[in-house]
């Protein structure tokens, strides 16, 4: 705490201040105290650790922001994909409705054609029956003229 206040008061980092003190002591041929070296190593280790921690936090913050922006991009892409799928589904439904209506129309035409053919076939069957009745009457008249009876000896 005192070291931090001292460094800020001098306008330089505490590590720089310690280096200056060590250089001054060395220049003055004063043997540095072992406590000073210990303190300097501990302070440098703590400082390096704090700097490292600050750098790591900054990097994590950058990564976090990068991930957030990346996820925002992914969300936007998913929104685009969902929109495209919805548009495609709507277009497919419209196309299917057109095809279904066309099939309905075609089926209706075929059904009407079948009804028409069925009516014609019924009329034809009625005409054929009428003609067979006429032919049967003619045969009966001919048989009666010839004296032939149905189921008789000549049959």
N, C-alpha and C. Protein backbone atom coordinates (compact mmCIF):
# COMPACT_ATOMS: atom_id res chain seq x y z
N UNK A 1 0.81 -1.17 0.00
CA UNK A 1 0.00 0.00 0.00
C UNK A 1 0.87 1.26 0.00
N UNK A 2 1.86 1.30 0.90
CA UNK A 2 2.79 2.44 0.96
C UNK A 2 3.58 2.53 -0.33
N UNK A 3 3.98 1.35 -0.84
CA UNK A 3 4.77 1.32 -2.06
C UNK A 3 3.95 1.90 -3.21
N UNK A 4 2.66 1.57 -3.27
CA UNK A 4 1.82 2.08 -4.35
C UNK A 4 1.70 3.59 -4.24
N UNK A 5 1.51 4.12 -3.03
CA UNK A 5 1.39 5.57 -2.84
C UNK A 5 2.68 6.27 -3.22
N UNK A 6 3.81 5.67 -2.83
CA UNK A 6 5.11 6.27 -3.13
C UNK A 6 5.32 6.34 -4.63
N UNK A 7 5.01 5.28 -5.33
CA UNK A 7 5.22 5.24 -6.77
C UNK A 7 4.36 6.28 -7.46
N UNK A 8 3.12 6.41 -7.02
CA UNK A 8 2.23 7.37 -7.66
C UNK A 8 2.68 8.80 -7.37
N UNK A 9 3.21 9.03 -6.19
CA UNK A 9 3.68 10.37 -5.84
C UNK A 9 4.87 10.78 -6.68
N UNK A 10 5.72 9.83 -7.01
CA UNK A 10 6.92 10.14 -7.77
C UNK A 10 6.64 10.22 -9.26
N UNK A 11 5.48 9.80 -9.69
CA UNK A 11 5.14 9.87 -11.11
C UNK A 11 5.72 8.74 -11.92
N UNK A 12 6.29 7.73 -11.28
CA UNK A 12 6.83 6.58 -11.99
C UNK A 12 6.28 5.33 -11.32
N UNK A 13 6.42 4.20 -12.00
CA UNK A 13 5.96 2.96 -11.38
C UNK A 13 6.88 2.61 -10.22
N UNK A 14 6.34 1.86 -9.29
CA UNK A 14 7.10 1.49 -8.12
C UNK A 14 8.32 0.65 -8.50
N UNK A 15 8.15 -0.21 -9.50
CA UNK A 15 9.28 -1.04 -9.96
C UNK A 15 10.41 -0.16 -10.49
N UNK A 16 10.07 0.89 -11.24
CA UNK A 16 11.08 1.82 -11.75
C UNK A 16 11.75 2.55 -10.58
N UNK A 17 10.95 2.93 -9.61
CA UNK A 17 11.48 3.60 -8.43
C UNK A 17 12.47 2.68 -7.70
N UNK A 18 12.10 1.41 -7.54
CA UNK A 18 13.00 0.46 -6.87
C UNK A 18 14.30 0.29 -7.65
N UNK A 19 14.18 0.25 -8.96
CA UNK A 19 15.38 0.09 -9.78
C UNK A 19 16.29 1.32 -9.62
N UNK A 20 15.71 2.48 -9.54
CA UNK A 20 16.50 3.70 -9.35
C UNK A 20 17.20 3.68 -7.99
N UNK A 21 16.47 3.23 -6.96
CA UNK A 21 17.06 3.16 -5.61
C UNK A 21 18.22 2.17 -5.62
N UNK A 22 18.02 1.02 -6.25
CA UNK A 22 19.07 0.01 -6.31
C UNK A 22 20.27 0.55 -7.06
N UNK A 23 20.06 1.25 -8.15
CA UNK A 23 21.16 1.83 -8.93
C UNK A 23 21.90 2.89 -8.12
N UNK A 24 21.15 3.71 -7.41
CA UNK A 24 21.77 4.74 -6.56
C UNK A 24 22.59 4.09 -5.46
N UNK A 25 22.09 3.02 -4.86
CA UNK A 25 22.82 2.33 -3.80
C UNK A 25 24.07 1.70 -4.36
N UNK A 26 23.96 1.12 -5.54
CA UNK A 26 25.11 0.48 -6.17
C UNK A 26 26.17 1.52 -6.54
N UNK A 27 25.74 2.66 -7.07
CA UNK A 27 26.65 3.72 -7.45
C UNK A 27 27.36 4.29 -6.21
N UNK A 28 26.67 4.34 -5.12
CA UNK A 28 27.25 4.90 -3.89
C UNK A 28 28.04 3.85 -3.13
N UNK A 29 28.25 2.70 -3.72
CA UNK A 29 28.96 1.59 -3.09
C UNK A 29 28.34 1.21 -1.74
N UNK A 30 27.06 1.27 -1.67
CA UNK A 30 26.35 0.84 -0.46
C UNK A 30 25.82 -0.54 -0.75
N UNK A 31 26.09 -1.48 0.09
CA UNK A 31 25.61 -2.84 -0.10
C UNK A 31 24.11 -2.87 0.17
N UNK A 32 23.35 -3.29 -0.81
CA UNK A 32 21.92 -3.32 -0.59
C UNK A 32 21.56 -4.34 0.48
N UNK A 33 20.56 -4.00 1.20
CA UNK A 33 20.05 -4.85 2.26
C UNK A 33 19.36 -6.05 1.61
N UNK A 34 19.49 -7.23 2.17
CA UNK A 34 18.84 -8.43 1.65
C UNK A 34 17.33 -8.30 1.65
N UNK A 35 16.82 -7.53 2.61
CA UNK A 35 15.37 -7.34 2.65
C UNK A 35 14.90 -6.59 1.41
N UNK A 36 15.71 -5.69 0.95
CA UNK A 36 15.35 -4.93 -0.23
C UNK A 36 15.20 -5.87 -1.43
N UNK A 37 16.18 -6.79 -1.63
CA UNK A 37 16.11 -7.74 -2.75
C UNK A 37 14.87 -8.63 -2.63
N UNK A 38 14.60 -9.08 -1.42
CA UNK A 38 13.45 -9.92 -1.17
C UNK A 38 12.16 -9.17 -1.52
N UNK A 39 12.11 -7.93 -1.01
CA UNK A 39 10.94 -7.11 -1.25
C UNK A 39 10.77 -6.84 -2.75
N UNK A 40 11.89 -6.52 -3.39
CA UNK A 40 11.85 -6.23 -4.82
C UNK A 40 11.37 -7.45 -5.60
N UNK A 41 11.87 -8.64 -5.28
CA UNK A 41 11.45 -9.85 -5.99
C UNK A 41 9.97 -10.15 -5.75
N UNK A 42 9.54 -9.98 -4.50
CA UNK A 42 8.14 -10.23 -4.18
C UNK A 42 7.26 -9.21 -4.91
N UNK A 43 7.71 -7.94 -4.86
CA UNK A 43 6.92 -6.90 -5.53
C UNK A 43 6.87 -7.13 -7.03
N UNK A 44 8.02 -7.46 -7.62
CA UNK A 44 8.07 -7.72 -9.06
C UNK A 44 7.18 -8.90 -9.40
N UNK A 45 7.23 -9.96 -8.56
CA UNK A 45 6.40 -11.12 -8.81
C UNK A 45 4.93 -10.74 -8.74
N UNK A 46 4.58 -9.97 -7.70
CA UNK A 46 3.18 -9.55 -7.57
C UNK A 46 2.79 -8.63 -8.73
N UNK A 47 3.67 -7.74 -9.07
CA UNK A 47 3.39 -6.81 -10.16
C UNK A 47 3.23 -7.57 -11.47
N UNK A 48 4.16 -8.48 -11.72
CA UNK A 48 4.07 -9.27 -12.94
C UNK A 48 2.78 -10.08 -12.96
N UNK A 49 2.45 -10.65 -11.78
CA UNK A 49 1.22 -11.43 -11.70
C UNK A 49 0.00 -10.53 -11.96
N UNK A 50 -0.02 -9.36 -11.33
CA UNK A 50 -1.14 -8.44 -11.52
C UNK A 50 -1.25 -7.99 -12.97
N UNK A 51 -0.09 -7.70 -13.59
CA UNK A 51 -0.09 -7.32 -15.00
C UNK A 51 -0.61 -8.46 -15.86
N UNK A 52 -0.13 -9.68 -15.55
CA UNK A 52 -0.58 -10.86 -16.28
C UNK A 52 -2.09 -11.05 -16.11
N UNK A 53 -2.56 -10.92 -14.86
CA UNK A 53 -3.98 -11.08 -14.58
C UNK A 53 -4.79 -10.02 -15.33
N UNK A 54 -4.29 -8.80 -15.36
CA UNK A 54 -4.98 -7.73 -16.08
C UNK A 54 -5.04 -8.03 -17.57
N UNK A 55 -3.91 -8.52 -18.11
CA UNK A 55 -3.87 -8.88 -19.53
C UNK A 55 -4.85 -10.01 -19.83
N UNK A 56 -4.85 -11.03 -18.94
CA UNK A 56 -5.75 -12.18 -19.15
C UNK A 56 -7.19 -11.71 -19.09
N UNK A 57 -7.51 -10.87 -18.11
CA UNK A 57 -8.88 -10.36 -18.01
C UNK A 57 -9.26 -9.57 -19.27
N UNK A 58 -8.33 -8.77 -19.74
CA UNK A 58 -8.59 -7.99 -20.96
C UNK A 58 -8.83 -8.92 -22.14
N UNK A 59 -8.00 -9.96 -22.23
CA UNK A 59 -8.16 -10.91 -23.33
C UNK A 59 -9.50 -11.64 -23.21
N UNK A 60 -9.85 -12.05 -21.99
CA UNK A 60 -11.14 -12.71 -21.79
C UNK A 60 -12.29 -11.77 -22.14
N UNK A 61 -12.14 -10.51 -21.79
CA UNK A 61 -13.17 -9.53 -22.14
C UNK A 61 -13.28 -9.42 -23.65
N UNK A 62 -12.13 -9.36 -24.32
CA UNK A 62 -12.15 -9.32 -25.79
C UNK A 62 -12.80 -10.56 -26.37
N UNK A 63 -12.43 -11.72 -25.82
CA UNK A 63 -13.02 -12.97 -26.30
C UNK A 63 -14.52 -12.97 -26.06
N UNK A 64 -14.92 -12.52 -24.86
CA UNK A 64 -16.35 -12.47 -24.53
C UNK A 64 -17.10 -11.57 -25.51
N UNK A 65 -16.54 -10.38 -25.79
CA UNK A 65 -17.18 -9.48 -26.74
C UNK A 65 -17.20 -10.08 -28.14
N UNK A 66 -16.10 -10.74 -28.48
CA UNK A 66 -16.05 -11.40 -29.78
C UNK A 66 -17.10 -12.49 -29.90
N UNK A 67 -17.24 -13.26 -28.84
CA UNK A 67 -18.24 -14.33 -28.85
C UNK A 67 -19.65 -13.74 -28.92
N UNK A 68 -19.87 -12.66 -28.15
CA UNK A 68 -21.20 -12.04 -28.18
C UNK A 68 -21.52 -11.53 -29.58
N UNK A 69 -20.56 -10.87 -30.19
CA UNK A 69 -20.82 -10.36 -31.54
C UNK A 69 -20.95 -11.52 -32.51
N UNK A 70 -20.16 -12.57 -32.30
CA UNK A 70 -20.29 -13.76 -33.16
C UNK A 70 -21.64 -14.42 -33.00
N UNK A 71 -22.09 -14.54 -31.75
CA UNK A 71 -23.41 -15.13 -31.51
C UNK A 71 -24.51 -14.23 -32.06
N UNK A 72 -24.30 -12.94 -31.98
CA UNK A 72 -25.29 -12.01 -32.56
C UNK A 72 -25.38 -12.26 -34.07
N UNK A 73 -24.22 -12.48 -34.69
CA UNK A 73 -24.21 -12.79 -36.12
C UNK A 73 -24.92 -14.11 -36.40
N UNK A 74 -24.67 -15.09 -35.56
CA UNK A 74 -25.32 -16.40 -35.74
C UNK A 74 -26.83 -16.24 -35.56
N UNK A 75 -27.24 -15.47 -34.54
CA UNK A 75 -28.67 -15.23 -34.34
C UNK A 75 -29.28 -14.56 -35.56
N UNK A 76 -28.57 -13.59 -36.10
CA UNK A 76 -29.07 -12.90 -37.29
C UNK A 76 -29.18 -13.86 -38.47
N UNK A 77 -28.18 -14.72 -38.63
CA UNK A 77 -28.23 -15.70 -39.71
C UNK A 77 -29.38 -16.67 -39.52
N UNK A 78 -29.59 -17.12 -38.26
CA UNK A 78 -30.72 -18.00 -37.98
C UNK A 78 -32.04 -17.30 -38.29
N UNK A 79 -32.12 -16.03 -37.95
CA UNK A 79 -33.34 -15.27 -38.27
C UNK A 79 -33.54 -15.21 -39.78
N UNK A 80 -32.44 -15.00 -40.52
CA UNK A 80 -32.54 -14.98 -41.99
C UNK A 80 -32.98 -16.34 -42.52
N UNK A 81 -32.40 -17.40 -41.96
CA UNK A 81 -32.75 -18.76 -42.40
C UNK A 81 -34.22 -19.03 -42.09
N UNK A 82 -34.66 -18.66 -40.88
CA UNK A 82 -36.07 -18.86 -40.53
C UNK A 82 -36.98 -18.08 -41.49
N UNK A 83 -36.61 -16.85 -41.81
CA UNK A 83 -37.40 -16.04 -42.73
C UNK A 83 -37.44 -16.71 -44.11
N UNK A 84 -36.29 -17.18 -44.58
CA UNK A 84 -36.24 -17.84 -45.89
C UNK A 84 -37.09 -19.11 -45.89
N UNK A 85 -37.03 -19.86 -44.79
CA UNK A 85 -37.84 -21.08 -44.70
C UNK A 85 -39.32 -20.73 -44.72
N UNK A 86 -39.69 -19.69 -43.97
CA UNK A 86 -41.10 -19.27 -43.95
C UNK A 86 -41.55 -18.82 -45.34
N UNK A 87 -40.69 -18.05 -46.03
CA UNK A 87 -41.02 -17.61 -47.39
C UNK A 87 -41.15 -18.80 -48.33
N UNK A 88 -40.21 -19.74 -48.20
CA UNK A 88 -40.24 -20.93 -49.04
C UNK A 88 -41.48 -21.76 -48.76
N UNK A 89 -41.84 -21.88 -47.48
CA UNK A 89 -43.04 -22.64 -47.12
C UNK A 89 -44.28 -21.98 -47.70
N UNK A 90 -44.35 -20.64 -47.62
CA UNK A 90 -45.50 -19.92 -48.18
C UNK A 90 -45.56 -20.11 -49.69
N UNK A 91 -44.40 -20.02 -50.34
CA UNK A 91 -44.36 -20.22 -51.79
C UNK A 91 -44.76 -21.64 -52.16
N UNK A 92 -44.28 -22.61 -51.39
CA UNK A 92 -44.64 -24.01 -51.64
C UNK A 92 -46.14 -24.21 -51.45
N UNK A 93 -46.70 -23.60 -50.40
CA UNK A 93 -48.16 -23.71 -50.19
C UNK A 93 -48.93 -23.12 -51.37
N UNK A 94 -48.49 -21.94 -51.83
CA UNK A 94 -49.17 -21.33 -52.98
C UNK A 94 -49.07 -22.23 -54.21
N UNK A 95 -47.88 -22.76 -54.45
CA UNK A 95 -47.68 -23.65 -55.59
C UNK A 95 -48.56 -24.89 -55.44
N UNK A 96 -48.59 -25.45 -54.24
CA UNK A 96 -49.40 -26.64 -54.01
C UNK A 96 -50.88 -26.33 -54.23
N UNK A 97 -51.32 -25.15 -53.76
CA UNK A 97 -52.72 -24.76 -53.96
C UNK A 97 -53.05 -24.66 -55.45
N UNK A 98 -52.13 -24.09 -56.22
CA UNK A 98 -52.34 -23.98 -57.66
C UNK A 98 -52.42 -25.37 -58.29
N UNK A 99 -51.48 -26.24 -57.91
CA UNK A 99 -51.47 -27.60 -58.46
C UNK A 99 -52.74 -28.34 -58.04
N UNK A 100 -53.13 -28.20 -56.77
CA UNK A 100 -54.33 -28.88 -56.28
C UNK A 100 -55.57 -28.38 -57.04
N UNK A 101 -55.65 -27.09 -57.26
CA UNK A 101 -56.80 -26.53 -58.00
C UNK A 101 -56.81 -27.06 -59.43
N UNK A 102 -55.62 -27.13 -60.02
CA UNK A 102 -55.53 -27.67 -61.38
C UNK A 102 -55.97 -29.13 -61.40
N UNK A 103 -55.52 -29.90 -60.42
CA UNK A 103 -55.93 -31.30 -60.34
C UNK A 103 -57.43 -31.41 -60.11
N UNK A 104 -57.97 -30.55 -59.24
CA UNK A 104 -59.42 -30.55 -59.00
C UNK A 104 -60.17 -30.31 -60.31
N UNK A 105 -59.70 -29.33 -61.07
CA UNK A 105 -60.35 -29.02 -62.35
C UNK A 105 -60.25 -30.20 -63.30
N UNK A 106 -59.07 -30.80 -63.36
CA UNK A 106 -58.87 -31.95 -64.25
C UNK A 106 -59.75 -33.12 -63.82
N UNK A 107 -59.80 -33.38 -62.53
CA UNK A 107 -60.64 -34.48 -62.02
C UNK A 107 -62.11 -34.21 -62.32
N UNK A 108 -62.53 -32.95 -62.18
CA UNK A 108 -63.91 -32.59 -62.47
C UNK A 108 -64.22 -32.84 -63.94
N UNK A 109 -63.30 -32.47 -64.84
CA UNK A 109 -63.49 -32.69 -66.28
C UNK A 109 -63.59 -34.19 -66.56
N UNK A 110 -62.70 -34.98 -65.92
CA UNK A 110 -62.72 -36.43 -66.13
C UNK A 110 -64.04 -37.00 -65.60
N UNK A 111 -64.48 -36.55 -64.44
CA UNK A 111 -65.73 -37.05 -63.86
C UNK A 111 -66.91 -36.71 -64.77
N UNK A 112 -66.93 -35.49 -65.30
CA UNK A 112 -68.00 -35.12 -66.23
C UNK A 112 -67.95 -35.98 -67.49
N UNK A 113 -66.72 -36.26 -67.95
CA UNK A 113 -66.57 -37.14 -69.12
C UNK A 113 -67.08 -38.54 -68.83
N UNK A 114 -66.78 -39.06 -67.64
CA UNK A 114 -67.26 -40.39 -67.27
C UNK A 114 -68.79 -40.40 -67.22
N UNK A 115 -69.39 -39.35 -66.65
CA UNK A 115 -70.86 -39.27 -66.60
C UNK A 115 -71.46 -39.24 -68.00
N UNK A 116 -70.82 -38.46 -68.87
CA UNK A 116 -71.30 -38.37 -70.25
C UNK A 116 -71.22 -39.73 -70.93
N UNK A 117 -70.10 -40.41 -70.79
CA UNK A 117 -69.93 -41.74 -71.39
C UNK A 117 -70.92 -42.72 -70.78
N UNK A 118 -71.13 -42.62 -69.47
CA UNK A 118 -72.08 -43.51 -68.80
C UNK A 118 -73.49 -43.30 -69.35
N UNK A 119 -73.91 -42.06 -69.55
CA UNK A 119 -75.23 -41.77 -70.12
C UNK A 119 -75.34 -42.30 -71.55
N UNK A 120 -74.26 -42.08 -72.32
CA UNK A 120 -74.27 -42.58 -73.70
C UNK A 120 -74.37 -44.10 -73.71
N UNK A 121 -73.64 -44.73 -72.79
CA UNK A 121 -73.67 -46.19 -72.71
C UNK A 121 -75.07 -46.68 -72.31
N UNK A 122 -75.71 -45.98 -71.39
CA UNK A 122 -77.07 -46.34 -70.99
C UNK A 122 -78.02 -46.20 -72.19
N UNK A 123 -77.90 -45.10 -72.94
CA UNK A 123 -78.76 -44.90 -74.13
C UNK A 123 -78.49 -46.00 -75.16
N UNK A 124 -77.18 -46.31 -75.34
CA UNK A 124 -76.83 -47.37 -76.28
C UNK A 124 -77.42 -48.71 -75.84
N UNK A 125 -77.31 -49.00 -74.54
CA UNK A 125 -77.86 -50.27 -74.04
C UNK A 125 -79.37 -50.30 -74.24
N UNK A 126 -80.03 -49.16 -73.98
CA UNK A 126 -81.48 -49.11 -74.21
C UNK A 126 -81.80 -49.32 -75.69
N UNK A 127 -81.05 -48.71 -76.58
CA UNK A 127 -81.27 -48.87 -78.02
C UNK A 127 -81.04 -50.33 -78.44
N UNK A 128 -79.99 -50.95 -77.91
CA UNK A 128 -79.70 -52.34 -78.24
C UNK A 128 -80.83 -53.23 -77.75
N UNK A 129 -81.32 -53.01 -76.54
CA UNK A 129 -82.45 -53.80 -76.01
C UNK A 129 -83.69 -53.65 -76.92
N UNK A 130 -83.95 -52.39 -77.30
CA UNK A 130 -85.11 -52.15 -78.18
C UNK A 130 -84.94 -52.91 -79.50
N UNK A 131 -83.74 -52.85 -80.05
CA UNK A 131 -83.49 -53.54 -81.32
C UNK A 131 -83.63 -55.05 -81.15
N UNK A 132 -83.10 -55.60 -80.03
CA UNK A 132 -83.23 -57.05 -79.79
C UNK A 132 -84.70 -57.42 -79.61
N UNK A 133 -85.49 -56.56 -78.98
CA UNK A 133 -86.93 -56.85 -78.83
C UNK A 133 -87.60 -56.90 -80.21
N UNK A 134 -87.20 -55.93 -81.05
CA UNK A 134 -87.77 -55.91 -82.40
C UNK A 134 -87.41 -57.18 -83.15
N UNK A 135 -86.13 -57.57 -83.02
CA UNK A 135 -85.67 -58.79 -83.71
C UNK A 135 -86.40 -60.00 -83.14
N UNK A 136 -86.56 -60.06 -81.81
CA UNK A 136 -87.27 -61.18 -81.19
C UNK A 136 -88.71 -61.24 -81.70
N UNK A 137 -89.37 -60.10 -81.83
CA UNK A 137 -90.75 -60.08 -82.33
C UNK A 137 -90.79 -60.57 -83.78
N UNK A 138 -89.81 -60.16 -84.55
CA UNK A 138 -89.77 -60.59 -85.94
C UNK A 138 -89.61 -62.11 -86.03
N UNK A 139 -88.69 -62.62 -85.18
CA UNK A 139 -88.51 -64.09 -85.18
C UNK A 139 -89.80 -64.78 -84.75
N UNK A 140 -90.45 -64.21 -83.77
CA UNK A 140 -91.71 -64.83 -83.32
C UNK A 140 -92.76 -64.80 -84.45
N UNK A 141 -92.83 -63.69 -85.14
CA UNK A 141 -93.78 -63.59 -86.26
C UNK A 141 -93.42 -64.60 -87.35
N UNK A 142 -92.14 -64.70 -87.64
CA UNK A 142 -91.69 -65.64 -88.68
C UNK A 142 -91.98 -67.05 -88.24
N UNK A 143 -91.72 -67.38 -87.00
CA UNK A 143 -91.97 -68.72 -86.49
C UNK A 143 -93.47 -69.01 -86.53
N UNK A 144 -94.24 -67.99 -86.20
CA UNK A 144 -95.69 -68.20 -86.21
C UNK A 144 -96.16 -68.43 -87.65
N UNK A 145 -95.66 -67.77 -88.65
CA UNK A 145 -96.02 -67.96 -90.04
C UNK A 145 -95.60 -69.33 -90.53
N UNK A 146 -94.47 -69.75 -90.08
CA UNK A 146 -93.95 -71.05 -90.53
C UNK A 146 -94.54 -72.17 -89.70
N UNK A 147 -95.21 -71.85 -88.67
CA UNK A 147 -95.81 -72.87 -87.82
C UNK A 147 -94.79 -73.47 -86.86
N UNK A 148 -93.82 -72.83 -86.65
CA UNK A 148 -92.83 -73.35 -85.72
C UNK A 148 -93.12 -72.73 -84.34
N UNK A 149 -93.03 -73.54 -83.34
CA UNK A 149 -93.25 -73.08 -82.01
C UNK A 149 -91.93 -73.18 -81.27
N UNK A 150 -91.71 -72.26 -80.44
CA UNK A 150 -90.45 -72.33 -79.71
C UNK A 150 -90.45 -73.56 -78.81
N UNK A 151 -89.36 -74.25 -78.77
CA UNK A 151 -89.21 -75.45 -77.93
C UNK A 151 -89.84 -76.65 -78.60
N UNK A 152 -90.26 -76.52 -79.87
CA UNK A 152 -90.91 -77.65 -80.58
C UNK A 152 -89.88 -78.60 -81.17
N UNK A 153 -90.31 -79.60 -81.99
CA UNK A 153 -89.42 -80.60 -82.54
C UNK A 153 -88.39 -80.06 -83.50
N UNK A 154 -88.62 -78.95 -84.13
CA UNK A 154 -87.66 -78.40 -85.10
C UNK A 154 -86.55 -77.58 -84.42
N UNK A 155 -86.74 -77.22 -83.19
CA UNK A 155 -85.79 -76.38 -82.55
C UNK A 155 -84.50 -77.05 -82.28
